[in-house]
Amino acid sequence: MQITTAMVKALRDKAGSGIMDAKKALEEAGGDMQAAEKALAEKGLATALEKGGRETAEGVIESYVHTGNRIGAMVELNCETDFVARTPDFRELARDLAMQVAAMSPAYIARDQVPEDASEPPSEKILAEQQFIKDPARTVGELVTGMIARVGENVRIRRIARFELGD
């Protein structure tokens, strides 16, 4: 099957991958968009696992204040270099995460942060396991993994804080 630039662009937009990665995945999948998307997701997860131990000393602190100024949130999103921290995609992810925290009020960033003596919290209380509010087909953890695959650096949500008047 002929792989067109429109197919590559559609897959790239959907998966958030690079042009050559999208083209290669489509070629390997014989033009099957779903199979190519699955292959890119697996590659992104492998990349994230590979880079997971690398230090993240750069990043941004992003805030979000909901309409009416009654709820706000702050997120510290870290990466390896200031070059990545200044990119529009990285800043947009930080903003989306702050919005997610304001809307969904997670208690923990990841399951490994739940204290051992605490009862097992539901997925809705763990930020990385929550459905992303802008795209419920994806989790917040998948968003971060996608960013790792796109930028080629480790990306980590370091801290979150949520504020609500009267709380």
N, C-alpha and C. Protein backbone atom coordinates (compact mmCIF):
# COMPACT_ATOMS: atom_id res chain seq x y z
N MET A 1 0.84 -1.19 0.00
CA MET A 1 0.00 0.00 0.00
C MET A 1 0.88 1.25 0.00
N GLN A 2 0.46 2.24 -0.73
CA GLN A 2 1.18 3.51 -0.83
C GLN A 2 0.93 4.34 0.43
N ILE A 3 2.00 4.77 1.09
CA ILE A 3 1.89 5.61 2.28
C ILE A 3 1.95 7.07 1.83
N THR A 4 0.86 7.79 2.06
CA THR A 4 0.78 9.18 1.63
C THR A 4 1.21 10.12 2.76
N THR A 5 1.52 11.33 2.39
CA THR A 5 1.89 12.32 3.40
C THR A 5 0.71 12.64 4.31
N ALA A 6 -0.50 12.56 3.78
CA ALA A 6 -1.69 12.79 4.61
C ALA A 6 -1.82 11.72 5.69
N MET A 7 -1.49 10.47 5.33
CA MET A 7 -1.55 9.38 6.30
C MET A 7 -0.50 9.60 7.39
N VAL A 8 0.70 9.98 6.98
CA VAL A 8 1.78 10.23 7.93
C VAL A 8 1.41 11.38 8.86
N LYS A 9 0.85 12.44 8.30
CA LYS A 9 0.45 13.61 9.11
C LYS A 9 -0.65 13.23 10.09
N ALA A 10 -1.64 12.46 9.65
CA ALA A 10 -2.73 12.05 10.53
C ALA A 10 -2.21 11.21 11.70
N LEU A 11 -1.32 10.27 11.39
CA LEU A 11 -0.76 9.43 12.45
C LEU A 11 0.11 10.26 13.39
N ARG A 12 0.87 11.15 12.82
CA ARG A 12 1.76 12.00 13.63
C ARG A 12 0.95 12.88 14.58
N ASP A 13 -0.14 13.45 14.08
CA ASP A 13 -1.00 14.29 14.92
C ASP A 13 -1.66 13.48 16.03
N LYS A 14 -2.06 12.27 15.70
CA LYS A 14 -2.76 11.42 16.66
C LYS A 14 -1.82 10.87 17.72
N ALA A 15 -0.63 10.41 17.30
CA ALA A 15 0.30 9.76 18.21
C ALA A 15 1.34 10.70 18.79
N GLY A 16 1.52 11.87 18.17
CA GLY A 16 2.50 12.82 18.66
C GLY A 16 3.93 12.38 18.39
N SER A 17 4.14 11.62 17.36
CA SER A 17 5.48 11.12 17.04
C SER A 17 6.13 11.96 15.96
N GLY A 18 7.38 11.65 15.67
CA GLY A 18 8.10 12.33 14.61
C GLY A 18 7.66 11.84 13.24
N ILE A 19 8.01 12.60 12.22
CA ILE A 19 7.60 12.27 10.85
C ILE A 19 8.15 10.91 10.42
N MET A 20 9.43 10.70 10.62
CA MET A 20 10.04 9.45 10.16
C MET A 20 9.53 8.25 10.96
N ASP A 21 9.29 8.44 12.25
CA ASP A 21 8.74 7.35 13.06
C ASP A 21 7.34 6.98 12.58
N ALA A 22 6.53 7.99 12.27
CA ALA A 22 5.17 7.74 11.79
C ALA A 22 5.20 7.03 10.44
N LYS A 23 6.07 7.47 9.55
CA LYS A 23 6.17 6.85 8.22
C LYS A 23 6.63 5.40 8.34
N LYS A 24 7.63 5.16 9.16
CA LYS A 24 8.16 3.81 9.34
C LYS A 24 7.10 2.89 9.96
N ALA A 25 6.36 3.39 10.94
CA ALA A 25 5.31 2.58 11.58
C ALA A 25 4.22 2.24 10.57
N LEU A 26 3.84 3.19 9.72
CA LEU A 26 2.83 2.93 8.70
C LEU A 26 3.32 1.90 7.68
N GLU A 27 4.58 2.02 7.29
CA GLU A 27 5.15 1.06 6.34
C GLU A 27 5.18 -0.34 6.93
N GLU A 28 5.59 -0.45 8.18
CA GLU A 28 5.65 -1.76 8.85
C GLU A 28 4.27 -2.35 9.07
N ALA A 29 3.27 -1.49 9.24
CA ALA A 29 1.90 -1.96 9.46
C ALA A 29 1.13 -2.12 8.16
N GLY A 30 1.78 -1.90 7.04
CA GLY A 30 1.10 -2.04 5.75
C GLY A 30 0.00 -1.02 5.53
N GLY A 31 0.14 0.15 6.13
CA GLY A 31 -0.84 1.22 5.95
C GLY A 31 -1.98 1.18 6.96
N ASP A 32 -1.99 0.18 7.85
CA ASP A 32 -3.03 0.06 8.87
C ASP A 32 -2.78 1.09 9.96
N MET A 33 -3.65 2.10 10.03
CA MET A 33 -3.47 3.22 10.95
C MET A 33 -3.48 2.76 12.42
N GLN A 34 -4.40 1.87 12.78
CA GLN A 34 -4.50 1.43 14.17
C GLN A 34 -3.27 0.62 14.59
N ALA A 35 -2.79 -0.26 13.71
CA ALA A 35 -1.60 -1.06 14.03
C ALA A 35 -0.38 -0.16 14.16
N ALA A 36 -0.28 0.84 13.30
CA ALA A 36 0.84 1.77 13.35
C ALA A 36 0.80 2.60 14.64
N GLU A 37 -0.40 3.01 15.02
CA GLU A 37 -0.55 3.78 16.26
C GLU A 37 -0.15 2.94 17.47
N LYS A 38 -0.55 1.68 17.47
CA LYS A 38 -0.20 0.76 18.56
C LYS A 38 1.32 0.57 18.63
N ALA A 39 1.95 0.40 17.47
CA ALA A 39 3.41 0.23 17.42
C ALA A 39 4.12 1.46 17.96
N LEU A 40 3.62 2.65 17.61
CA LEU A 40 4.23 3.88 18.10
C LEU A 40 4.05 4.02 19.62
N ALA A 41 2.89 3.60 20.12
CA ALA A 41 2.65 3.66 21.56
C ALA A 41 3.61 2.74 22.30
N GLU A 42 3.84 1.54 21.76
CA GLU A 42 4.78 0.61 22.38
C GLU A 42 6.20 1.16 22.34
N LYS A 43 6.55 1.78 21.23
CA LYS A 43 7.88 2.38 21.10
C LYS A 43 8.04 3.52 22.10
N GLY A 44 6.99 4.31 22.27
CA GLY A 44 7.03 5.42 23.23
C GLY A 44 7.18 4.92 24.65
N LEU A 45 6.50 3.82 24.99
CA LEU A 45 6.62 3.25 26.32
C LEU A 45 8.03 2.72 26.55
N ALA A 46 8.60 2.07 25.54
CA ALA A 46 9.97 1.57 25.66
C ALA A 46 10.95 2.73 25.84
N THR A 47 10.75 3.81 25.12
CA THR A 47 11.59 5.00 25.25
C THR A 47 11.47 5.58 26.65
N ALA A 48 10.24 5.65 27.16
CA ALA A 48 10.01 6.20 28.49
C ALA A 48 10.70 5.35 29.56
N LEU A 49 10.61 4.03 29.43
CA LEU A 49 11.26 3.15 30.40
C LEU A 49 12.78 3.30 30.35
N GLU A 50 13.30 3.45 29.15
CA GLU A 50 14.74 3.60 28.95
C GLU A 50 15.26 4.90 29.58
N LYS A 51 14.49 5.96 29.49
CA LYS A 51 14.93 7.27 29.97
C LYS A 51 14.48 7.55 31.39
N GLY A 52 13.70 6.66 31.98
CA GLY A 52 13.09 6.88 33.28
C GLY A 52 14.04 7.17 34.42
N GLY A 53 15.26 6.67 34.36
CA GLY A 53 16.20 6.87 35.45
C GLY A 53 17.04 8.13 35.33
N ARG A 54 16.91 8.83 34.23
CA ARG A 54 17.74 10.01 34.01
C ARG A 54 17.24 11.19 34.85
N GLU A 55 18.18 12.01 35.29
CA GLU A 55 17.86 13.14 36.16
C GLU A 55 17.07 14.21 35.41
N THR A 56 16.10 14.78 36.11
CA THR A 56 15.29 15.86 35.54
C THR A 56 15.44 17.09 36.44
N ALA A 57 16.38 17.95 36.10
CA ALA A 57 16.68 19.11 36.94
C ALA A 57 16.14 20.42 36.35
N GLU A 58 15.63 20.39 35.14
CA GLU A 58 15.07 21.58 34.52
C GLU A 58 13.55 21.43 34.43
N GLY A 59 12.87 22.45 33.94
CA GLY A 59 11.43 22.34 33.78
C GLY A 59 10.72 23.66 34.00
N VAL A 60 9.44 23.55 34.32
CA VAL A 60 8.62 24.74 34.54
C VAL A 60 7.66 24.50 35.70
N ILE A 61 7.23 25.61 36.28
CA ILE A 61 6.11 25.58 37.23
C ILE A 61 4.99 26.31 36.52
N GLU A 62 3.89 25.63 36.38
CA GLU A 62 2.74 26.21 35.66
C GLU A 62 1.54 26.26 36.60
N SER A 63 0.76 27.31 36.47
CA SER A 63 -0.45 27.44 37.30
C SER A 63 -1.67 27.55 36.42
N TYR A 64 -2.79 27.24 37.03
CA TYR A 64 -4.08 27.38 36.34
C TYR A 64 -5.08 27.86 37.39
N VAL A 65 -5.81 28.90 37.06
CA VAL A 65 -6.87 29.40 37.93
C VAL A 65 -8.16 29.31 37.14
N HIS A 66 -9.11 28.57 37.70
CA HIS A 66 -10.37 28.34 37.02
C HIS A 66 -11.23 29.61 37.01
N THR A 67 -12.08 29.72 36.02
CA THR A 67 -12.99 30.85 35.90
C THR A 67 -13.74 31.06 37.22
N GLY A 68 -13.78 32.26 37.67
CA GLY A 68 -14.43 32.58 38.94
C GLY A 68 -13.42 32.71 40.07
N ASN A 69 -12.18 32.34 39.81
CA ASN A 69 -11.09 32.48 40.77
C ASN A 69 -11.36 31.79 42.11
N ARG A 70 -12.04 30.65 42.09
CA ARG A 70 -12.32 29.91 43.31
C ARG A 70 -11.48 28.64 43.43
N ILE A 71 -10.94 28.17 42.31
CA ILE A 71 -10.11 26.96 42.29
C ILE A 71 -8.86 27.26 41.48
N GLY A 72 -7.73 26.82 41.99
CA GLY A 72 -6.47 26.98 41.28
C GLY A 72 -5.57 25.79 41.52
N ALA A 73 -4.58 25.62 40.65
CA ALA A 73 -3.64 24.52 40.80
C ALA A 73 -2.28 24.93 40.27
N MET A 74 -1.24 24.28 40.81
CA MET A 74 0.13 24.48 40.35
C MET A 74 0.76 23.11 40.13
N VAL A 75 1.60 23.04 39.09
CA VAL A 75 2.29 21.80 38.75
C VAL A 75 3.74 22.12 38.47
N GLU A 76 4.64 21.31 39.03
CA GLU A 76 6.05 21.38 38.65
C GLU A 76 6.31 20.22 37.72
N LEU A 77 6.63 20.53 36.47
CA LEU A 77 6.90 19.53 35.44
C LEU A 77 8.37 19.63 35.08
N ASN A 78 9.12 18.55 35.26
CA ASN A 78 10.56 18.57 35.03
C ASN A 78 10.97 17.79 33.80
N CYS A 79 12.10 18.21 33.24
CA CYS A 79 12.73 17.54 32.10
C CYS A 79 14.24 17.64 32.29
N GLU A 80 14.99 17.17 31.31
CA GLU A 80 16.44 17.13 31.45
C GLU A 80 17.14 18.43 31.06
N THR A 81 16.60 19.17 30.10
CA THR A 81 17.28 20.37 29.62
C THR A 81 16.33 21.56 29.58
N ASP A 82 16.89 22.75 29.70
CA ASP A 82 16.07 23.96 29.60
C ASP A 82 15.57 24.17 28.18
N PHE A 83 16.27 23.61 27.19
CA PHE A 83 15.81 23.72 25.81
C PHE A 83 14.41 23.11 25.67
N VAL A 84 14.21 21.91 26.20
CA VAL A 84 12.90 21.26 26.13
C VAL A 84 11.89 22.01 26.99
N ALA A 85 12.31 22.50 28.14
CA ALA A 85 11.40 23.21 29.04
C ALA A 85 10.81 24.46 28.41
N ARG A 86 11.52 25.05 27.45
CA ARG A 86 11.04 26.27 26.80
C ARG A 86 10.16 26.00 25.58
N THR A 87 10.00 24.76 25.17
CA THR A 87 9.21 24.48 23.97
C THR A 87 7.72 24.68 24.25
N PRO A 88 6.98 25.10 23.24
CA PRO A 88 5.54 25.29 23.42
C PRO A 88 4.81 24.00 23.82
N ASP A 89 5.22 22.86 23.27
CA ASP A 89 4.58 21.58 23.62
C ASP A 89 4.73 21.26 25.10
N PHE A 90 5.92 21.47 25.63
CA PHE A 90 6.19 21.18 27.03
C PHE A 90 5.37 22.10 27.93
N ARG A 91 5.36 23.38 27.60
CA ARG A 91 4.59 24.35 28.39
C ARG A 91 3.10 24.05 28.33
N GLU A 92 2.63 23.62 27.14
CA GLU A 92 1.21 23.27 27.01
C GLU A 92 0.87 22.05 27.86
N LEU A 93 1.78 21.07 27.89
CA LEU A 93 1.55 19.90 28.75
C LEU A 93 1.47 20.32 30.21
N ALA A 94 2.36 21.20 30.63
CA ALA A 94 2.33 21.68 32.02
C ALA A 94 1.01 22.39 32.32
N ARG A 95 0.55 23.20 31.40
CA ARG A 95 -0.72 23.92 31.58
C ARG A 95 -1.89 22.93 31.66
N ASP A 96 -1.88 21.93 30.76
CA ASP A 96 -2.94 20.92 30.77
C ASP A 96 -2.93 20.12 32.08
N LEU A 97 -1.75 19.83 32.59
CA LEU A 97 -1.65 19.09 33.85
C LEU A 97 -2.18 19.93 35.01
N ALA A 98 -1.88 21.22 35.02
CA ALA A 98 -2.41 22.10 36.07
C ALA A 98 -3.94 22.16 35.99
N MET A 99 -4.47 22.21 34.78
CA MET A 99 -5.93 22.20 34.60
C MET A 99 -6.52 20.88 35.09
N GLN A 100 -5.84 19.79 34.81
CA GLN A 100 -6.27 18.46 35.24
C GLN A 100 -6.33 18.39 36.77
N VAL A 101 -5.29 18.91 37.42
CA VAL A 101 -5.24 18.90 38.88
C VAL A 101 -6.37 19.74 39.46
N ALA A 102 -6.63 20.90 38.86
CA ALA A 102 -7.72 21.75 39.34
C ALA A 102 -9.07 21.05 39.18
N ALA A 103 -9.27 20.38 38.07
CA ALA A 103 -10.56 19.76 37.79
C ALA A 103 -10.78 18.45 38.55
N MET A 104 -9.74 17.63 38.67
CA MET A 104 -9.92 16.27 39.18
C MET A 104 -9.43 16.04 40.61
N SER A 105 -8.72 16.98 41.18
CA SER A 105 -8.26 16.92 42.57
C SER A 105 -7.58 15.60 42.95
N PRO A 106 -6.49 15.24 42.26
CA PRO A 106 -5.80 14.00 42.63
C PRO A 106 -5.09 14.14 43.97
N ALA A 107 -4.96 13.03 44.67
CA ALA A 107 -4.26 13.04 45.96
C ALA A 107 -2.78 12.68 45.79
N TYR A 108 -2.48 11.92 44.73
CA TYR A 108 -1.11 11.45 44.49
C TYR A 108 -0.77 11.62 43.02
N ILE A 109 0.52 11.71 42.73
CA ILE A 109 0.96 11.81 41.33
C ILE A 109 0.99 10.44 40.69
N ALA A 110 1.56 9.46 41.40
CA ALA A 110 1.67 8.10 40.87
C ALA A 110 1.37 7.09 41.98
N ARG A 111 1.06 5.87 41.61
CA ARG A 111 0.70 4.84 42.58
C ARG A 111 1.84 4.57 43.56
N ASP A 112 3.08 4.69 43.11
CA ASP A 112 4.20 4.41 44.01
C ASP A 112 4.37 5.46 45.11
N GLN A 113 3.61 6.55 45.05
CA GLN A 113 3.67 7.58 46.09
C GLN A 113 2.64 7.37 47.20
N VAL A 114 1.78 6.38 47.04
CA VAL A 114 0.77 6.09 48.05
C VAL A 114 1.48 5.45 49.24
N PRO A 115 1.31 5.99 50.45
CA PRO A 115 1.96 5.39 51.62
C PRO A 115 1.52 3.94 51.81
N GLU A 116 2.44 3.11 52.29
CA GLU A 116 2.15 1.68 52.46
C GLU A 116 1.02 1.43 53.45
N ASP A 117 0.89 2.27 54.47
CA ASP A 117 -0.14 2.06 55.48
C ASP A 117 -1.51 2.61 55.06
N ALA A 118 -1.58 3.27 53.91
CA ALA A 118 -2.85 3.84 53.43
C ALA A 118 -3.64 2.78 52.68
N SER A 119 -4.95 2.92 52.72
CA SER A 119 -5.78 2.00 51.93
C SER A 119 -5.56 2.30 50.44
N GLU A 120 -5.81 1.32 49.62
CA GLU A 120 -5.57 1.45 48.18
C GLU A 120 -6.53 2.49 47.58
N PRO A 121 -6.00 3.63 47.10
CA PRO A 121 -6.89 4.66 46.55
C PRO A 121 -7.37 4.27 45.15
N PRO A 122 -8.55 4.74 44.77
CA PRO A 122 -9.02 4.47 43.41
C PRO A 122 -8.18 5.23 42.39
N SER A 123 -8.23 4.79 41.14
CA SER A 123 -7.46 5.42 40.06
C SER A 123 -7.77 6.90 39.91
N GLU A 124 -8.98 7.31 40.29
CA GLU A 124 -9.36 8.72 40.15
C GLU A 124 -8.54 9.62 41.07
N LYS A 125 -7.93 9.07 42.10
CA LYS A 125 -7.14 9.86 43.04
C LYS A 125 -5.66 9.88 42.69
N ILE A 126 -5.27 9.16 41.62
CA ILE A 126 -3.87 9.10 41.20
C ILE A 126 -3.76 9.79 39.85
N LEU A 127 -3.05 10.90 39.81
CA LEU A 127 -2.97 11.73 38.61
C LEU A 127 -2.57 10.95 37.37
N ALA A 128 -1.54 10.14 37.44
CA ALA A 128 -1.04 9.42 36.27
C ALA A 128 -2.06 8.43 35.71
N GLU A 129 -3.00 7.98 36.54
CA GLU A 129 -4.00 7.00 36.11
C GLU A 129 -5.33 7.62 35.71
N GLN A 130 -5.48 8.92 35.92
CA GLN A 130 -6.74 9.59 35.57
C GLN A 130 -6.89 9.71 34.06
N GLN A 131 -8.14 9.67 33.60
CA GLN A 131 -8.42 9.96 32.20
C GLN A 131 -8.15 11.45 32.00
N PHE A 132 -7.49 11.77 30.89
CA PHE A 132 -7.20 13.16 30.59
C PHE A 132 -8.50 13.88 30.27
N ILE A 133 -8.72 15.04 30.88
CA ILE A 133 -10.00 15.73 30.73
C ILE A 133 -10.27 16.22 29.32
N LYS A 134 -9.21 16.48 28.55
CA LYS A 134 -9.39 16.95 27.18
C LYS A 134 -9.53 15.80 26.18
N ASP A 135 -9.13 14.58 26.57
CA ASP A 135 -9.20 13.41 25.70
C ASP A 135 -9.34 12.17 26.59
N PRO A 136 -10.57 11.80 26.97
CA PRO A 136 -10.78 10.68 27.89
C PRO A 136 -10.27 9.32 27.39
N ALA A 137 -9.90 9.22 26.13
CA ALA A 137 -9.35 7.97 25.61
C ALA A 137 -7.91 7.76 26.09
N ARG A 138 -7.29 8.80 26.64
CA ARG A 138 -5.90 8.71 27.10
C ARG A 138 -5.81 9.02 28.59
N THR A 139 -4.82 8.46 29.23
CA THR A 139 -4.57 8.79 30.63
C THR A 139 -3.50 9.87 30.71
N VAL A 140 -3.38 10.48 31.86
CA VAL A 140 -2.35 11.49 32.07
C VAL A 140 -0.97 10.85 31.92
N GLY A 141 -0.81 9.64 32.41
CA GLY A 141 0.45 8.93 32.27
C GLY A 141 0.84 8.74 30.81
N GLU A 142 -0.15 8.45 29.97
CA GLU A 142 0.11 8.30 28.53
C GLU A 142 0.54 9.62 27.90
N LEU A 143 -0.02 10.73 28.38
CA LEU A 143 0.40 12.05 27.89
C LEU A 143 1.87 12.29 28.18
N VAL A 144 2.28 11.99 29.39
CA VAL A 144 3.67 12.21 29.78
C VAL A 144 4.58 11.28 28.98
N THR A 145 4.18 10.02 28.81
CA THR A 145 4.96 9.07 28.02
C THR A 145 5.09 9.55 26.58
N GLY A 146 4.02 10.11 26.02
CA GLY A 146 4.06 10.66 24.67
C GLY A 146 5.03 11.81 24.56
N MET A 147 5.08 12.65 25.59
CA MET A 147 6.03 13.77 25.59
C MET A 147 7.46 13.25 25.64
N ILE A 148 7.71 12.21 26.43
CA ILE A 148 9.04 11.61 26.52
C ILE A 148 9.46 11.11 25.15
N ALA A 149 8.54 10.44 24.46
CA ALA A 149 8.86 9.91 23.13
C ALA A 149 9.12 11.03 22.13
N ARG A 150 8.37 12.13 22.22
CA ARG A 150 8.54 13.25 21.28
C ARG A 150 9.85 14.00 21.48
N VAL A 151 10.18 14.28 22.75
CA VAL A 151 11.34 15.14 23.00
C VAL A 151 12.63 14.36 23.23
N GLY A 152 12.53 13.07 23.47
CA GLY A 152 13.72 12.25 23.67
C GLY A 152 14.41 12.49 25.00
N GLU A 153 13.66 12.99 25.97
CA GLU A 153 14.20 13.25 27.32
C GLU A 153 13.23 12.69 28.34
N ASN A 154 13.75 12.46 29.54
CA ASN A 154 12.89 12.05 30.64
C ASN A 154 12.04 13.26 31.05
N VAL A 155 10.78 13.04 31.29
CA VAL A 155 9.85 14.07 31.74
C VAL A 155 9.14 13.52 32.97
N ARG A 156 9.04 14.33 34.01
CA ARG A 156 8.46 13.84 35.26
C ARG A 156 7.61 14.93 35.91
N ILE A 157 6.47 14.53 36.41
CA ILE A 157 5.65 15.43 37.23
C ILE A 157 6.23 15.34 38.64
N ARG A 158 6.80 16.42 39.12
CA ARG A 158 7.48 16.38 40.41
C ARG A 158 6.53 16.70 41.57
N ARG A 159 5.75 17.80 41.43
CA ARG A 159 4.86 18.21 42.52
C ARG A 159 3.57 18.78 41.96
N ILE A 160 2.52 18.63 42.75
CA ILE A 160 1.23 19.23 42.40
C ILE A 160 0.64 19.87 43.67
N ALA A 161 -0.15 20.90 43.44
CA ALA A 161 -0.87 21.54 44.54
C ALA A 161 -2.20 22.06 44.00
N ARG A 162 -3.24 21.90 44.78
CA ARG A 162 -4.57 22.37 44.38
C ARG A 162 -5.12 23.23 45.51
N PHE A 163 -5.73 24.34 45.13
CA PHE A 163 -6.29 25.28 46.11
C PHE A 163 -7.75 25.53 45.76
N GLU A 164 -8.57 25.54 46.79
CA GLU A 164 -9.99 25.86 46.61
C GLU A 164 -10.42 26.74 47.77
N LEU A 165 -11.12 27.81 47.45
CA LEU A 165 -11.59 28.71 48.51
C LEU A 165 -12.43 27.92 49.50
N GLY A 166 -12.17 28.18 50.77
CA GLY A 166 -12.95 27.54 51.83
C GLY A 166 -12.45 26.16 52.21
N ASP A 167 -11.45 25.66 51.55
CA ASP A 167 -10.90 24.32 51.87
C ASP A 167 -9.70 24.42 52.76
